Amino acid sequence: MPEPLDPTGIDTIIFDLGNVIIDIDYDVMIAAFRRIAARDFSHLISYTEQDDLFSGYERGDVSSAEFRAALRPYLRDGVTDAEIDTAWNAILYHYPPDKLERLTALRAKYKVYALSNINDIHLTDIDRYIKANFSAADMRSYFHHAYYSHELRTRKPEPAIYRAVIDHAGIDPQRTLFIDDKKENTDAAAALGFRVYHLTDRDTLLPLLARF
């Protein structure tokens, strides 16, 4: 059980998506790519050491077409765009309904935002899944606003992405709790004055928010 957070003075909560709201699994994605691969390229999409291709795609510097084209040398001949997208989206493992319900409840009392390093293929699939399985138009609808790296053209832990959220949302970092599963991201937010929580176990999010 995580230490309960003190909500005193907090009026805003910013959530990462992957491994905070949505369960992700790199091993499932790697296994999906191995079924269509001609040679190993798991180093490109490592959770801990992302290749420039992945980072550039999250930053919006690489288009979806360019991303697929960069992967094709590693894949079998004849692999389609849809097969690449399916393997890439296999990382999006589970959408816990109780977390989505909690976001809806929190919005009644707090300003609630998303701040995610994400890309167009993943976001398209997330929005498709949310629309098909929950009473919501897309993932954005669970937040007062969702900030996505590929739209902002910068990614965590770059300071520019946090400053973009501060400026656009008009929030006070000292009254804002930022929750992320990567320490480099919470460290960068803390350096700009945010109250932060490094979530090391995605299943502890709801107990963590019990006092909110």
N, C-alpha and C. Protein backbone atom coordinates (compact mmCIF):
# COMPACT_ATOMS: atom_id res chain seq x y z
N MET A 1 0.84 -1.19 0.00
CA MET A 1 0.00 0.00 0.00
C MET A 1 0.88 1.25 0.00
N PRO A 2 0.69 2.16 -0.96
CA PRO A 2 1.53 3.35 -1.01
C PRO A 2 1.20 4.32 0.11
N GLU A 3 2.15 5.19 0.42
CA GLU A 3 1.88 6.26 1.37
C GLU A 3 0.76 7.14 0.82
N PRO A 4 -0.27 7.45 1.63
CA PRO A 4 -1.35 8.30 1.11
C PRO A 4 -0.84 9.70 0.83
N LEU A 5 -1.29 10.26 -0.27
CA LEU A 5 -0.92 11.63 -0.61
C LEU A 5 -1.73 12.63 0.21
N ASP A 6 -1.10 13.72 0.56
CA ASP A 6 -1.78 14.80 1.26
C ASP A 6 -2.36 15.76 0.22
N PRO A 7 -3.68 15.86 0.10
CA PRO A 7 -4.27 16.72 -0.92
C PRO A 7 -4.31 18.20 -0.55
N THR A 8 -3.82 18.55 0.63
CA THR A 8 -3.88 19.94 1.09
C THR A 8 -3.20 20.87 0.08
N GLY A 9 -3.93 21.88 -0.35
CA GLY A 9 -3.37 22.87 -1.25
C GLY A 9 -3.34 22.48 -2.71
N ILE A 10 -3.74 21.27 -3.03
CA ILE A 10 -3.75 20.81 -4.43
C ILE A 10 -5.10 21.11 -5.06
N ASP A 11 -5.07 21.79 -6.21
CA ASP A 11 -6.32 22.02 -6.94
C ASP A 11 -6.26 21.45 -8.37
N THR A 12 -5.12 20.90 -8.73
CA THR A 12 -4.92 20.38 -10.09
C THR A 12 -4.15 19.07 -10.03
N ILE A 13 -4.55 18.08 -10.84
CA ILE A 13 -3.83 16.82 -10.93
C ILE A 13 -3.54 16.53 -12.40
N ILE A 14 -2.28 16.24 -12.69
CA ILE A 14 -1.87 15.89 -14.05
C ILE A 14 -1.43 14.43 -14.05
N PHE A 15 -2.01 13.66 -14.97
CA PHE A 15 -1.71 12.23 -15.06
C PHE A 15 -0.95 11.92 -16.35
N ASP A 16 0.09 11.12 -16.22
CA ASP A 16 0.62 10.41 -17.38
C ASP A 16 -0.42 9.37 -17.78
N LEU A 17 -0.33 8.85 -19.00
CA LEU A 17 -1.28 7.81 -19.43
C LEU A 17 -0.70 6.41 -19.29
N GLY A 18 0.40 6.12 -19.98
CA GLY A 18 0.95 4.78 -19.99
C GLY A 18 1.47 4.33 -18.64
N ASN A 19 0.96 3.19 -18.16
CA ASN A 19 1.29 2.60 -16.87
C ASN A 19 0.85 3.44 -15.68
N VAL A 20 0.00 4.42 -15.96
CA VAL A 20 -0.67 5.17 -14.89
C VAL A 20 -2.18 4.98 -15.07
N ILE A 21 -2.72 5.43 -16.19
CA ILE A 21 -4.14 5.25 -16.48
C ILE A 21 -4.36 4.00 -17.34
N ILE A 22 -3.55 3.83 -18.37
CA ILE A 22 -3.64 2.67 -19.26
C ILE A 22 -2.50 1.72 -18.94
N ASP A 23 -2.80 0.43 -18.76
CA ASP A 23 -1.76 -0.56 -18.54
C ASP A 23 -1.05 -0.84 -19.87
N ILE A 24 0.28 -0.78 -19.87
CA ILE A 24 1.04 -1.10 -21.07
C ILE A 24 1.98 -2.26 -20.79
N ASP A 25 2.34 -2.97 -21.86
CA ASP A 25 3.21 -4.13 -21.71
C ASP A 25 4.15 -4.22 -22.92
N TYR A 26 5.39 -3.84 -22.71
CA TYR A 26 6.37 -3.87 -23.80
C TYR A 26 6.60 -5.28 -24.31
N ASP A 27 6.58 -6.27 -23.43
CA ASP A 27 6.84 -7.65 -23.85
C ASP A 27 5.78 -8.14 -24.83
N VAL A 28 4.53 -7.75 -24.61
CA VAL A 28 3.46 -8.15 -25.53
C VAL A 28 3.70 -7.52 -26.90
N MET A 29 4.11 -6.24 -26.90
CA MET A 29 4.38 -5.57 -28.17
C MET A 29 5.57 -6.21 -28.89
N ILE A 30 6.65 -6.48 -28.17
CA ILE A 30 7.82 -7.10 -28.78
C ILE A 30 7.46 -8.46 -29.37
N ALA A 31 6.65 -9.23 -28.65
CA ALA A 31 6.21 -10.54 -29.17
C ALA A 31 5.40 -10.38 -30.45
N ALA A 32 4.56 -9.34 -30.51
CA ALA A 32 3.76 -9.10 -31.71
C ALA A 32 4.65 -8.74 -32.89
N PHE A 33 5.67 -7.94 -32.65
CA PHE A 33 6.58 -7.58 -33.74
C PHE A 33 7.42 -8.78 -34.19
N ARG A 34 7.78 -9.65 -33.28
CA ARG A 34 8.57 -10.82 -33.67
C ARG A 34 7.82 -11.70 -34.67
N ARG A 35 6.50 -11.65 -34.62
CA ARG A 35 5.71 -12.48 -35.54
C ARG A 35 5.76 -11.94 -36.98
N ILE A 36 6.15 -10.68 -37.15
CA ILE A 36 6.21 -10.10 -38.50
C ILE A 36 7.62 -9.64 -38.86
N ALA A 37 8.58 -9.90 -37.98
CA ALA A 37 9.94 -9.38 -38.17
C ALA A 37 10.81 -10.35 -38.95
N ALA A 38 11.78 -9.76 -39.67
CA ALA A 38 12.81 -10.54 -40.32
C ALA A 38 14.07 -10.59 -39.47
N ARG A 39 14.27 -9.57 -38.61
CA ARG A 39 15.40 -9.56 -37.68
C ARG A 39 15.03 -8.73 -36.46
N ASP A 40 15.79 -8.91 -35.41
CA ASP A 40 15.45 -8.28 -34.12
C ASP A 40 15.67 -6.77 -34.17
N PHE A 41 14.73 -6.02 -33.63
CA PHE A 41 14.92 -4.58 -33.52
C PHE A 41 14.33 -4.06 -32.20
N SER A 42 14.28 -4.94 -31.20
CA SER A 42 13.68 -4.55 -29.93
C SER A 42 14.43 -3.40 -29.28
N HIS A 43 15.73 -3.23 -29.65
CA HIS A 43 16.49 -2.12 -29.07
C HIS A 43 15.92 -0.77 -29.48
N LEU A 44 15.21 -0.72 -30.60
CA LEU A 44 14.65 0.55 -31.06
C LEU A 44 13.54 1.05 -30.15
N ILE A 45 12.84 0.13 -29.51
CA ILE A 45 11.65 0.50 -28.76
C ILE A 45 11.74 0.05 -27.32
N SER A 46 12.94 0.07 -26.78
CA SER A 46 13.15 -0.28 -25.38
C SER A 46 12.46 0.71 -24.48
N TYR A 47 11.92 0.21 -23.37
CA TYR A 47 11.24 1.08 -22.40
C TYR A 47 12.23 2.03 -21.72
N THR A 48 13.45 1.56 -21.49
CA THR A 48 14.41 2.36 -20.72
C THR A 48 15.33 3.19 -21.60
N GLU A 49 15.59 2.74 -22.84
CA GLU A 49 16.51 3.47 -23.71
C GLU A 49 15.89 3.58 -25.10
N GLN A 50 15.04 4.58 -25.27
CA GLN A 50 14.33 4.72 -26.52
C GLN A 50 15.25 5.21 -27.63
N ASP A 51 15.15 4.59 -28.79
CA ASP A 51 15.88 5.02 -29.96
C ASP A 51 15.39 6.39 -30.42
N ASP A 52 16.23 7.10 -31.19
CA ASP A 52 15.85 8.42 -31.69
C ASP A 52 14.60 8.36 -32.55
N LEU A 53 14.38 7.23 -33.24
CA LEU A 53 13.18 7.08 -34.05
C LEU A 53 11.93 7.19 -33.20
N PHE A 54 11.89 6.44 -32.09
CA PHE A 54 10.75 6.44 -31.20
C PHE A 54 10.56 7.81 -30.58
N SER A 55 11.65 8.40 -30.08
CA SER A 55 11.56 9.72 -29.46
C SER A 55 11.10 10.76 -30.46
N GLY A 56 11.63 10.68 -31.69
CA GLY A 56 11.21 11.63 -32.72
C GLY A 56 9.76 11.48 -33.08
N TYR A 57 9.26 10.24 -33.08
CA TYR A 57 7.85 10.01 -33.37
C TYR A 57 6.98 10.59 -32.25
N GLU A 58 7.39 10.41 -31.01
CA GLU A 58 6.64 10.99 -29.89
C GLU A 58 6.68 12.51 -29.92
N ARG A 59 7.75 13.08 -30.46
CA ARG A 59 7.89 14.53 -30.51
C ARG A 59 7.18 15.13 -31.72
N GLY A 60 6.69 14.30 -32.60
CA GLY A 60 6.01 14.79 -33.80
C GLY A 60 6.96 15.18 -34.91
N ASP A 61 8.25 14.88 -34.76
CA ASP A 61 9.22 15.17 -35.80
C ASP A 61 9.20 14.12 -36.90
N VAL A 62 8.65 12.95 -36.59
CA VAL A 62 8.54 11.83 -37.53
C VAL A 62 7.07 11.54 -37.74
N SER A 63 6.63 11.46 -38.99
CA SER A 63 5.23 11.14 -39.28
C SER A 63 4.99 9.65 -39.13
N SER A 64 3.71 9.26 -39.11
CA SER A 64 3.38 7.84 -39.01
C SER A 64 3.91 7.08 -40.23
N ALA A 65 3.82 7.67 -41.41
CA ALA A 65 4.33 7.02 -42.61
C ALA A 65 5.84 6.84 -42.53
N GLU A 66 6.54 7.85 -42.04
CA GLU A 66 8.00 7.77 -41.88
C GLU A 66 8.37 6.73 -40.82
N PHE A 67 7.58 6.66 -39.77
CA PHE A 67 7.83 5.68 -38.71
C PHE A 67 7.72 4.26 -39.24
N ARG A 68 6.64 3.99 -39.97
CA ARG A 68 6.47 2.66 -40.55
C ARG A 68 7.60 2.34 -41.53
N ALA A 69 7.97 3.33 -42.34
CA ALA A 69 9.03 3.12 -43.33
C ALA A 69 10.36 2.78 -42.65
N ALA A 70 10.62 3.40 -41.51
CA ALA A 70 11.86 3.14 -40.78
C ALA A 70 11.88 1.73 -40.19
N LEU A 71 10.71 1.17 -39.90
CA LEU A 71 10.65 -0.19 -39.35
C LEU A 71 10.72 -1.27 -40.42
N ARG A 72 10.34 -0.94 -41.64
CA ARG A 72 10.21 -1.96 -42.69
C ARG A 72 11.50 -2.75 -42.97
N PRO A 73 12.69 -2.12 -42.88
CA PRO A 73 13.90 -2.93 -43.11
C PRO A 73 14.06 -4.09 -42.13
N TYR A 74 13.37 -4.04 -41.00
CA TYR A 74 13.44 -5.09 -39.99
C TYR A 74 12.34 -6.13 -40.16
N LEU A 75 11.40 -5.88 -41.08
CA LEU A 75 10.21 -6.72 -41.19
C LEU A 75 10.25 -7.60 -42.43
N ARG A 76 9.41 -8.63 -42.41
CA ARG A 76 9.30 -9.51 -43.57
C ARG A 76 8.72 -8.75 -44.76
N ASP A 77 9.03 -9.18 -45.95
CA ASP A 77 8.46 -8.58 -47.15
C ASP A 77 6.94 -8.74 -47.13
N GLY A 78 6.26 -7.70 -47.55
CA GLY A 78 4.81 -7.76 -47.68
C GLY A 78 4.02 -7.40 -46.44
N VAL A 79 4.69 -7.07 -45.33
CA VAL A 79 3.97 -6.66 -44.13
C VAL A 79 3.23 -5.36 -44.41
N THR A 80 1.96 -5.30 -44.06
CA THR A 80 1.12 -4.14 -44.36
C THR A 80 1.21 -3.09 -43.26
N ASP A 81 0.74 -1.88 -43.60
CA ASP A 81 0.66 -0.82 -42.59
C ASP A 81 -0.21 -1.26 -41.42
N ALA A 82 -1.33 -1.93 -41.72
CA ALA A 82 -2.24 -2.37 -40.67
C ALA A 82 -1.56 -3.37 -39.73
N GLU A 83 -0.73 -4.26 -40.29
CA GLU A 83 -0.02 -5.22 -39.44
C GLU A 83 1.00 -4.53 -38.54
N ILE A 84 1.68 -3.52 -39.08
CA ILE A 84 2.62 -2.75 -38.26
C ILE A 84 1.87 -2.06 -37.14
N ASP A 85 0.75 -1.41 -37.47
CA ASP A 85 -0.02 -0.70 -36.45
C ASP A 85 -0.54 -1.64 -35.38
N THR A 86 -1.00 -2.82 -35.78
CA THR A 86 -1.51 -3.79 -34.81
C THR A 86 -0.42 -4.23 -33.84
N ALA A 87 0.77 -4.50 -34.37
CA ALA A 87 1.89 -4.88 -33.50
C ALA A 87 2.28 -3.74 -32.58
N TRP A 88 2.36 -2.54 -33.12
CA TRP A 88 2.73 -1.35 -32.35
C TRP A 88 1.71 -1.09 -31.24
N ASN A 89 0.45 -1.28 -31.53
CA ASN A 89 -0.60 -1.01 -30.55
C ASN A 89 -0.79 -2.14 -29.54
N ALA A 90 -0.11 -3.26 -29.74
CA ALA A 90 -0.22 -4.37 -28.78
C ALA A 90 0.28 -3.98 -27.40
N ILE A 91 1.07 -2.92 -27.32
CA ILE A 91 1.56 -2.43 -26.03
C ILE A 91 0.42 -1.94 -25.15
N LEU A 92 -0.67 -1.49 -25.76
CA LEU A 92 -1.82 -0.95 -25.02
C LEU A 92 -2.64 -2.12 -24.49
N TYR A 93 -2.25 -2.59 -23.33
CA TYR A 93 -2.63 -3.92 -22.86
C TYR A 93 -4.00 -3.96 -22.19
N HIS A 94 -4.33 -2.92 -21.38
CA HIS A 94 -5.57 -2.98 -20.60
C HIS A 94 -5.99 -1.57 -20.20
N TYR A 95 -7.30 -1.34 -20.21
CA TYR A 95 -7.87 -0.05 -19.81
C TYR A 95 -8.71 -0.28 -18.55
N PRO A 96 -8.14 -0.11 -17.36
CA PRO A 96 -8.91 -0.40 -16.14
C PRO A 96 -10.12 0.54 -15.99
N PRO A 97 -11.32 0.00 -16.02
CA PRO A 97 -12.51 0.86 -15.94
C PRO A 97 -12.57 1.70 -14.68
N ASP A 98 -12.08 1.15 -13.54
CA ASP A 98 -12.17 1.90 -12.29
C ASP A 98 -11.28 3.14 -12.31
N LYS A 99 -10.20 3.11 -13.07
CA LYS A 99 -9.37 4.30 -13.18
C LYS A 99 -10.08 5.39 -14.00
N LEU A 100 -10.73 4.98 -15.07
CA LEU A 100 -11.46 5.95 -15.88
C LEU A 100 -12.63 6.54 -15.09
N GLU A 101 -13.29 5.71 -14.31
CA GLU A 101 -14.36 6.22 -13.46
C GLU A 101 -13.83 7.21 -12.43
N ARG A 102 -12.64 6.93 -11.92
CA ARG A 102 -12.04 7.82 -10.92
C ARG A 102 -11.71 9.18 -11.52
N LEU A 103 -11.26 9.19 -12.77
CA LEU A 103 -10.98 10.45 -13.45
C LEU A 103 -12.25 11.30 -13.54
N THR A 104 -13.34 10.66 -13.89
CA THR A 104 -14.62 11.38 -13.98
C THR A 104 -15.01 11.97 -12.64
N ALA A 105 -14.83 11.21 -11.57
CA ALA A 105 -15.17 11.70 -10.23
C ALA A 105 -14.26 12.84 -9.81
N LEU A 106 -12.97 12.74 -10.11
CA LEU A 106 -12.02 13.79 -9.72
C LEU A 106 -12.32 15.12 -10.40
N ARG A 107 -12.84 15.05 -11.61
CA ARG A 107 -13.10 16.30 -12.36
C ARG A 107 -14.13 17.18 -11.68
N ALA A 108 -14.94 16.61 -10.80
CA ALA A 108 -15.95 17.41 -10.10
C ALA A 108 -15.32 18.35 -9.07
N LYS A 109 -14.10 18.04 -8.62
CA LYS A 109 -13.48 18.82 -7.56
C LYS A 109 -12.15 19.43 -7.96
N TYR A 110 -11.44 18.78 -8.89
CA TYR A 110 -10.10 19.23 -9.28
C TYR A 110 -10.05 19.52 -10.77
N LYS A 111 -9.08 20.34 -11.16
CA LYS A 111 -8.73 20.43 -12.57
C LYS A 111 -7.87 19.21 -12.89
N VAL A 112 -8.28 18.47 -13.91
CA VAL A 112 -7.64 17.19 -14.20
C VAL A 112 -7.13 17.21 -15.65
N TYR A 113 -5.84 16.94 -15.80
CA TYR A 113 -5.20 16.97 -17.11
C TYR A 113 -4.42 15.69 -17.37
N ALA A 114 -4.18 15.42 -18.64
CA ALA A 114 -3.25 14.37 -19.05
C ALA A 114 -2.02 15.03 -19.66
N LEU A 115 -0.86 14.44 -19.41
CA LEU A 115 0.37 14.85 -20.07
C LEU A 115 1.12 13.58 -20.45
N SER A 116 1.13 13.28 -21.74
CA SER A 116 1.62 11.98 -22.17
C SER A 116 2.60 12.09 -23.33
N ASN A 117 3.71 11.34 -23.23
CA ASN A 117 4.54 11.09 -24.40
C ASN A 117 3.84 10.04 -25.23
N ILE A 118 3.37 10.45 -26.40
CA ILE A 118 2.51 9.57 -27.18
C ILE A 118 2.71 9.88 -28.66
N ASN A 119 2.15 9.06 -29.51
CA ASN A 119 2.28 9.23 -30.95
C ASN A 119 0.93 9.01 -31.61
N ASP A 120 0.86 9.34 -32.89
CA ASP A 120 -0.43 9.35 -33.59
C ASP A 120 -1.06 7.96 -33.68
N ILE A 121 -0.27 6.92 -33.97
CA ILE A 121 -0.84 5.57 -34.10
C ILE A 121 -1.42 5.10 -32.78
N HIS A 122 -0.69 5.29 -31.69
CA HIS A 122 -1.21 4.89 -30.38
C HIS A 122 -2.44 5.69 -30.00
N LEU A 123 -2.40 7.00 -30.19
CA LEU A 123 -3.55 7.81 -29.78
C LEU A 123 -4.79 7.45 -30.59
N THR A 124 -4.63 7.21 -31.87
CA THR A 124 -5.77 6.81 -32.70
C THR A 124 -6.40 5.53 -32.17
N ASP A 125 -5.55 4.57 -31.78
CA ASP A 125 -6.08 3.30 -31.28
C ASP A 125 -6.71 3.47 -29.89
N ILE A 126 -6.10 4.28 -29.05
CA ILE A 126 -6.68 4.56 -27.73
C ILE A 126 -8.07 5.17 -27.88
N ASP A 127 -8.19 6.18 -28.73
CA ASP A 127 -9.48 6.84 -28.92
C ASP A 127 -10.51 5.89 -29.51
N ARG A 128 -10.07 5.04 -30.42
CA ARG A 128 -10.99 4.04 -31.00
C ARG A 128 -11.50 3.10 -29.92
N TYR A 129 -10.59 2.63 -29.06
CA TYR A 129 -10.98 1.70 -28.00
C TYR A 129 -11.91 2.35 -26.99
N ILE A 130 -11.58 3.57 -26.60
CA ILE A 130 -12.42 4.28 -25.63
C ILE A 130 -13.83 4.47 -26.18
N LYS A 131 -13.93 4.87 -27.43
CA LYS A 131 -15.25 5.10 -28.03
C LYS A 131 -16.04 3.80 -28.14
N ALA A 132 -15.37 2.70 -28.44
CA ALA A 132 -16.05 1.43 -28.63
C ALA A 132 -16.46 0.75 -27.33
N ASN A 133 -15.73 1.04 -26.23
CA ASN A 133 -15.93 0.27 -25.00
C ASN A 133 -16.40 1.07 -23.80
N PHE A 134 -16.35 2.40 -23.90
CA PHE A 134 -16.78 3.24 -22.77
C PHE A 134 -17.71 4.34 -23.29
N SER A 135 -18.42 4.93 -22.39
CA SER A 135 -19.37 5.99 -22.78
C SER A 135 -18.63 7.32 -22.88
N ALA A 136 -17.70 7.39 -23.82
CA ALA A 136 -16.89 8.59 -23.99
C ALA A 136 -16.50 8.71 -25.45
N ALA A 137 -16.30 9.94 -25.89
CA ALA A 137 -15.95 10.18 -27.29
C ALA A 137 -14.52 9.79 -27.59
N ASP A 138 -13.63 10.03 -26.63
CA ASP A 138 -12.21 9.74 -26.80
C ASP A 138 -11.52 9.88 -25.44
N MET A 139 -10.21 9.67 -25.40
CA MET A 139 -9.50 9.77 -24.13
C MET A 139 -9.50 11.19 -23.58
N ARG A 140 -9.46 12.17 -24.47
CA ARG A 140 -9.44 13.57 -24.02
C ARG A 140 -10.64 13.90 -23.14
N SER A 141 -11.76 13.25 -23.41
CA SER A 141 -13.00 13.62 -22.71
C SER A 141 -12.96 13.30 -21.22
N TYR A 142 -11.97 12.54 -20.78
CA TYR A 142 -11.84 12.26 -19.36
C TYR A 142 -11.09 13.36 -18.61
N PHE A 143 -10.57 14.33 -19.34
CA PHE A 143 -9.76 15.39 -18.73
C PHE A 143 -10.30 16.76 -19.12
N HIS A 144 -9.94 17.76 -18.33
CA HIS A 144 -10.25 19.12 -18.76
C HIS A 144 -9.45 19.47 -20.01
N HIS A 145 -8.27 18.90 -20.12
CA HIS A 145 -7.50 19.00 -21.36
C HIS A 145 -6.46 17.89 -21.35
N ALA A 146 -6.13 17.38 -22.52
CA ALA A 146 -5.08 16.37 -22.64
C ALA A 146 -3.94 16.94 -23.48
N TYR A 147 -2.74 16.87 -22.94
CA TYR A 147 -1.56 17.40 -23.62
C TYR A 147 -0.74 16.22 -24.13
N TYR A 148 -0.57 16.17 -25.45
CA TYR A 148 0.10 15.05 -26.09
C TYR A 148 1.40 15.52 -26.75
N SER A 149 2.45 14.76 -26.51
CA SER A 149 3.78 15.18 -26.94
C SER A 149 3.87 15.43 -28.45
N HIS A 150 3.26 14.56 -29.25
CA HIS A 150 3.41 14.70 -30.70
C HIS A 150 2.66 15.91 -31.23
N GLU A 151 1.71 16.44 -30.45
CA GLU A 151 1.02 17.66 -30.84
C GLU A 151 1.77 18.90 -30.35
N LEU A 152 2.41 18.79 -29.19
CA LEU A 152 3.16 19.92 -28.64
C LEU A 152 4.56 20.03 -29.22
N ARG A 153 5.03 18.99 -29.93
CA ARG A 153 6.34 18.96 -30.55
C ARG A 153 7.48 19.01 -29.53
N THR A 154 7.22 18.48 -28.37
CA THR A 154 8.22 18.32 -27.32
C THR A 154 7.74 17.20 -26.42
N ARG A 155 8.66 16.58 -25.67
CA ARG A 155 8.29 15.42 -24.87
C ARG A 155 8.94 15.49 -23.50
N LYS A 156 8.31 14.80 -22.55
CA LYS A 156 8.92 14.65 -21.23
C LYS A 156 10.23 13.89 -21.37
N PRO A 157 11.29 14.24 -20.64
CA PRO A 157 11.35 15.24 -19.56
C PRO A 157 11.84 16.61 -19.99
N GLU A 158 11.66 16.97 -21.26
CA GLU A 158 12.10 18.29 -21.72
C GLU A 158 11.30 19.38 -21.00
N PRO A 159 11.95 20.38 -20.41
CA PRO A 159 11.22 21.42 -19.67
C PRO A 159 10.14 22.12 -20.49
N ALA A 160 10.34 22.21 -21.80
CA ALA A 160 9.39 22.94 -22.64
C ALA A 160 7.99 22.38 -22.56
N ILE A 161 7.85 21.06 -22.40
CA ILE A 161 6.50 20.49 -22.40
C ILE A 161 5.76 20.85 -21.12
N TYR A 162 6.47 20.91 -20.00
CA TYR A 162 5.83 21.31 -18.74
C TYR A 162 5.45 22.79 -18.77
N ARG A 163 6.34 23.60 -19.34
CA ARG A 163 6.04 25.04 -19.43
C ARG A 163 4.86 25.29 -20.35
N ALA A 164 4.73 24.47 -21.40
CA ALA A 164 3.58 24.61 -22.30
C ALA A 164 2.27 24.34 -21.56
N VAL A 165 2.27 23.34 -20.69
CA VAL A 165 1.08 23.03 -19.91
C VAL A 165 0.79 24.15 -18.92
N ILE A 166 1.80 24.64 -18.23
CA ILE A 166 1.62 25.75 -17.28
C ILE A 166 1.00 26.94 -17.97
N ASP A 167 1.55 27.31 -19.13
CA ASP A 167 1.08 28.50 -19.84
C ASP A 167 -0.33 28.31 -20.40
N HIS A 168 -0.60 27.14 -21.01
CA HIS A 168 -1.90 26.94 -21.64
C HIS A 168 -3.01 26.78 -20.60
N ALA A 169 -2.74 25.99 -19.56
CA ALA A 169 -3.77 25.72 -18.55
C ALA A 169 -3.86 26.81 -17.50
N GLY A 170 -2.84 27.64 -17.40
CA GLY A 170 -2.84 28.69 -16.39
C GLY A 170 -2.78 28.15 -14.98
N ILE A 171 -2.00 27.10 -14.76
CA ILE A 171 -1.96 26.45 -13.46
C ILE A 171 -0.77 26.93 -12.64
N ASP A 172 -0.87 26.73 -11.35
CA ASP A 172 0.22 27.00 -10.42
C ASP A 172 0.89 25.68 -10.10
N PRO A 173 2.15 25.48 -10.52
CA PRO A 173 2.80 24.19 -10.26
C PRO A 173 2.79 23.79 -8.79
N GLN A 174 2.88 24.75 -7.88
CA GLN A 174 2.93 24.44 -6.46
C GLN A 174 1.60 23.92 -5.93
N ARG A 175 0.53 24.11 -6.71
CA ARG A 175 -0.79 23.60 -6.33
C ARG A 175 -1.20 22.43 -7.24
N THR A 176 -0.21 21.91 -7.97
CA THR A 176 -0.48 20.87 -8.97
C THR A 176 0.30 19.60 -8.63
N LEU A 177 -0.41 18.48 -8.63
CA LEU A 177 0.22 17.17 -8.44
C LEU A 177 0.41 16.53 -9.81
N PHE A 178 1.64 16.10 -10.10
CA PHE A 178 1.96 15.43 -11.35
C PHE A 178 2.35 13.99 -11.04
N ILE A 179 1.65 13.04 -11.67
CA ILE A 179 1.87 11.60 -11.43
C ILE A 179 2.38 10.96 -12.71
N ASP A 180 3.53 10.30 -12.62
CA ASP A 180 4.15 9.68 -13.79
C ASP A 180 4.89 8.43 -13.34
N ASP A 181 5.07 7.48 -14.26
CA ASP A 181 5.73 6.23 -13.90
C ASP A 181 7.24 6.27 -14.14
N LYS A 182 7.77 7.36 -14.70
CA LYS A 182 9.21 7.47 -14.94
C LYS A 182 9.79 8.57 -14.07
N LYS A 183 10.86 8.23 -13.34
CA LYS A 183 11.45 9.16 -12.39
C LYS A 183 12.04 10.39 -13.09
N GLU A 184 12.61 10.20 -14.28
CA GLU A 184 13.17 11.37 -14.96
C GLU A 184 12.10 12.40 -15.29
N ASN A 185 10.86 11.93 -15.47
CA ASN A 185 9.75 12.84 -15.77
C ASN A 185 9.27 13.58 -14.52
N THR A 186 9.17 12.85 -13.40
CA THR A 186 8.77 13.53 -12.16
C THR A 186 9.89 14.44 -11.66
N ASP A 187 11.14 14.06 -11.85
CA ASP A 187 12.25 14.92 -11.45
C ASP A 187 12.23 16.24 -12.22
N ALA A 188 11.98 16.16 -13.53
CA ALA A 188 11.93 17.37 -14.34
C ALA A 188 10.78 18.27 -13.93
N ALA A 189 9.63 17.67 -13.60
CA ALA A 189 8.48 18.46 -13.14
C ALA A 189 8.77 19.10 -11.78
N ALA A 190 9.39 18.35 -10.89
CA ALA A 190 9.71 18.87 -9.57
C ALA A 190 10.65 20.07 -9.66
N ALA A 191 11.57 20.03 -10.63
CA ALA A 191 12.52 21.14 -10.81
C ALA A 191 11.81 22.43 -11.22
N LEU A 192 10.60 22.30 -11.76
CA LEU A 192 9.81 23.47 -12.14
C LEU A 192 8.76 23.82 -11.10
N GLY A 193 8.82 23.17 -9.94
CA GLY A 193 7.95 23.53 -8.84
C GLY A 193 6.72 22.68 -8.64
N PHE A 194 6.52 21.66 -9.47
CA PHE A 194 5.36 20.79 -9.32
C PHE A 194 5.50 19.90 -8.08
N ARG A 195 4.39 19.57 -7.47
CA ARG A 195 4.35 18.48 -6.51
C ARG A 195 4.21 17.20 -7.32
N VAL A 196 5.02 16.21 -7.02
CA VAL A 196 5.10 15.06 -7.91
C VAL A 196 4.97 13.76 -7.13
N TYR A 197 4.59 12.72 -7.87
CA TYR A 197 4.59 11.37 -7.32
C TYR A 197 5.07 10.43 -8.41
N HIS A 198 6.16 9.71 -8.12
CA HIS A 198 6.69 8.71 -9.04
C HIS A 198 5.96 7.39 -8.77
N LEU A 199 5.08 7.00 -9.68
CA LEU A 199 4.25 5.81 -9.51
C LEU A 199 5.03 4.59 -10.00
N THR A 200 5.53 3.78 -9.09
CA THR A 200 6.32 2.62 -9.46
C THR A 200 5.48 1.36 -9.66
N ASP A 201 4.24 1.40 -9.22
CA ASP A 201 3.33 0.26 -9.36
C ASP A 201 1.98 0.80 -9.81
N ARG A 202 1.61 0.53 -11.06
CA ARG A 202 0.37 1.09 -11.62
C ARG A 202 -0.86 0.67 -10.84
N ASP A 203 -0.80 -0.48 -10.16
CA ASP A 203 -1.97 -0.95 -9.43
C ASP A 203 -2.20 -0.20 -8.12
N THR A 204 -1.26 0.67 -7.76
CA THR A 204 -1.43 1.44 -6.51
C THR A 204 -2.01 2.82 -6.75
N LEU A 205 -2.38 3.15 -7.98
CA LEU A 205 -2.89 4.49 -8.26
C LEU A 205 -4.15 4.80 -7.47
N LEU A 206 -5.12 3.89 -7.49
CA LEU A 206 -6.39 4.16 -6.81
C LEU A 206 -6.22 4.28 -5.28
N PRO A 207 -5.49 3.38 -4.64
CA PRO A 207 -5.22 3.59 -3.20
C PRO A 207 -4.49 4.90 -2.94
N LEU A 208 -3.61 5.27 -3.86
CA LEU A 208 -2.86 6.52 -3.71
C LEU A 208 -3.79 7.73 -3.68
N LEU A 209 -4.85 7.67 -4.48
CA LEU A 209 -5.78 8.80 -4.60
C LEU A 209 -6.94 8.72 -3.62
N ALA A 210 -6.86 7.81 -2.67
CA ALA A 210 -8.00 7.56 -1.78
C ALA A 210 -8.45 8.81 -1.03
N ARG A 211 -7.52 9.74 -0.73
CA ARG A 211 -7.89 10.93 0.03
C ARG A 211 -8.34 12.09 -0.84
N PHE A 212 -8.33 11.89 -2.13
CA PHE A 212 -8.74 12.98 -3.04
C PHE A 212 -10.24 12.85 -3.34
